[in-house]
Amino acid sequence: MAENSQLHRKNEKIGEVVSTKMQKTIVVEVARRVPHPTYKKIVGRRKKFYAHDEQQTAQVGDVVRIVEARPMSRLKRWELAEVIRRAALVGITDTETSAAGRGPGRTTK
């Protein structure tokens, strides 16, 4: 029985969400480090995957796990399994912008 569960294991990848502009779809960039085929130096490779996000829980910058799924569209063949780490939310408050001279009260002559 344990061999059967190993046989049908779905492929999964871990990457960072780079876009959430589509409805129920996220773009996940998976980075890996592999040796160059000729020179054997370690180089970085990146690939983007389109994944289905039914509840639209992932945000840009989150680290997520995606798993293989049936084809849902021309490019979308993955689905979101879980959000591993949330992105740090960095925002500018209204008092900081007005103090810097870029706020709504600024006039030019």
Protein backbone atom coordinates (compact mmCIF):
# COMPACT_ATOMS: atom_id res chain seq x y z
CA MET A 1 0.00 0.00 0.00
CA ALA A 2 2.85 2.40 0.78
CA GLU A 3 4.37 1.76 -2.65
CA ASN A 4 1.09 2.68 -4.35
CA SER A 5 0.93 6.08 -2.59
CA GLN A 6 4.52 6.76 -3.63
CA LEU A 7 3.66 5.94 -7.23
CA HIS A 8 0.88 8.53 -7.55
CA ARG A 9 2.58 11.37 -5.76
CA LYS A 10 1.97 14.75 -7.42
CA ASN A 11 4.86 17.00 -8.35
CA GLU A 12 5.16 20.09 -6.15
CA LYS A 13 7.25 23.23 -6.24
CA ILE A 14 7.98 26.09 -3.84
CA GLY A 15 8.27 29.63 -5.16
CA GLU A 16 7.42 33.29 -4.71
CA VAL A 17 4.22 34.92 -5.95
CA VAL A 18 5.08 37.64 -8.47
CA SER A 19 1.59 38.56 -9.74
CA THR A 20 -2.01 38.33 -8.55
CA LYS A 21 -3.61 40.56 -11.18
CA MET A 22 -5.83 37.83 -12.62
CA GLN A 23 -8.93 36.43 -10.96
CA LYS A 24 -8.25 33.11 -9.17
CA THR A 25 -4.83 32.86 -10.84
CA ILE A 26 -1.40 33.62 -9.43
CA VAL A 27 1.99 33.66 -11.11
CA VAL A 28 4.66 31.85 -9.08
CA GLU A 29 8.36 32.18 -9.85
CA VAL A 30 10.41 29.12 -8.90
CA ALA A 31 14.17 29.64 -8.63
CA ARG A 32 16.73 26.84 -8.60
CA ARG A 33 20.51 26.61 -8.72
CA VAL A 34 22.05 24.11 -11.14
CA PRO A 35 25.54 23.55 -12.53
CA HIS A 36 26.18 24.85 -16.04
CA PRO A 37 26.31 21.89 -18.47
CA THR A 38 29.73 22.80 -19.90
CA TYR A 39 31.50 24.98 -17.35
CA LYS A 40 30.09 23.38 -14.16
CA LYS A 41 29.69 26.75 -12.47
CA ILE A 42 26.53 27.05 -10.35
CA VAL A 43 24.02 29.30 -12.11
CA GLY A 44 20.52 30.40 -11.15
CA ARG A 45 17.52 29.35 -13.22
CA ARG A 46 14.04 30.82 -12.85
CA LYS A 47 10.72 29.76 -14.30
CA LYS A 48 7.21 31.14 -13.91
CA PHE A 49 4.20 28.92 -13.34
CA TYR A 50 0.53 29.88 -13.50
CA ALA A 51 -1.39 28.40 -10.56
CA HIS A 52 -5.06 28.28 -9.58
CA ASP A 53 -5.93 30.11 -6.34
CA GLU A 54 -9.63 29.47 -5.65
CA GLN A 55 -9.96 31.62 -2.49
CA GLN A 56 -7.53 34.29 -3.73
CA THR A 57 -5.54 34.07 -0.50
CA ALA A 58 -2.01 34.55 -1.90
CA GLN A 59 -0.49 38.01 -2.22
CA VAL A 60 2.54 39.31 -4.08
CA GLY A 61 5.72 38.37 -2.21
CA ASP A 62 4.29 35.31 -0.46
CA VAL A 63 6.24 32.07 -0.56
CA VAL A 64 3.83 29.31 -1.62
CA ARG A 65 3.72 25.59 -2.42
CA ILE A 66 2.03 24.62 -5.69
CA VAL A 67 1.09 21.10 -6.82
CA GLU A 68 0.35 19.60 -10.22
CA ALA A 69 -3.28 19.62 -11.33
CA ARG A 70 -5.35 18.94 -14.41
CA PRO A 71 -5.06 21.51 -17.23
CA MET A 72 -7.37 24.42 -16.39
CA SER A 73 -6.39 26.67 -19.29
CA ARG A 74 -3.69 26.99 -21.92
CA LEU A 75 -1.03 27.89 -19.34
CA LYS A 76 -2.52 26.96 -15.98
CA ARG A 77 -1.63 23.43 -14.82
CA TRP A 78 -0.86 23.99 -11.13
CA GLU A 79 -2.90 24.81 -8.05
CA LEU A 80 -2.05 26.49 -4.76
CA ALA A 81 -1.51 23.98 -1.95
CA GLU A 82 -0.53 26.32 0.89
CA VAL A 83 1.00 29.66 1.74
CA ILE A 84 4.28 28.90 3.48
CA ARG A 85 5.33 32.44 4.41
CA ARG A 86 3.44 35.70 4.13
CA ALA A 87 5.09 38.78 2.61
CA ALA A 88 5.99 41.64 4.91
CA LEU A 89 3.51 44.47 4.44
CA VAL A 90 5.32 47.77 4.04
CA GLY A 91 3.17 50.86 3.69
CA ILE A 92 3.56 54.62 3.77
CA THR A 93 1.23 56.48 6.10
CA ASP A 94 -0.44 59.74 5.12
CA THR A 95 1.59 61.76 7.68
CA GLU A 96 4.88 60.67 6.11
CA THR A 97 3.85 61.75 2.62
CA SER A 98 2.60 65.17 3.69
CA ALA A 99 5.73 65.77 5.80
CA ALA A 100 7.93 65.01 2.80
CA GLY A 101 6.15 67.57 0.65
CA ARG A 102 4.46 65.07 -1.61
CA GLY A 103 1.07 65.08 0.05
CA PRO A 104 -2.22 66.56 -1.12
CA GLY A 105 -1.50 69.98 0.38
CA ARG A 106 1.44 70.75 -1.91
CA THR A 107 1.11 73.62 -4.36
CA THR A 108 3.41 74.59 -7.22
CA LYS A 109 3.98 78.05 -8.72
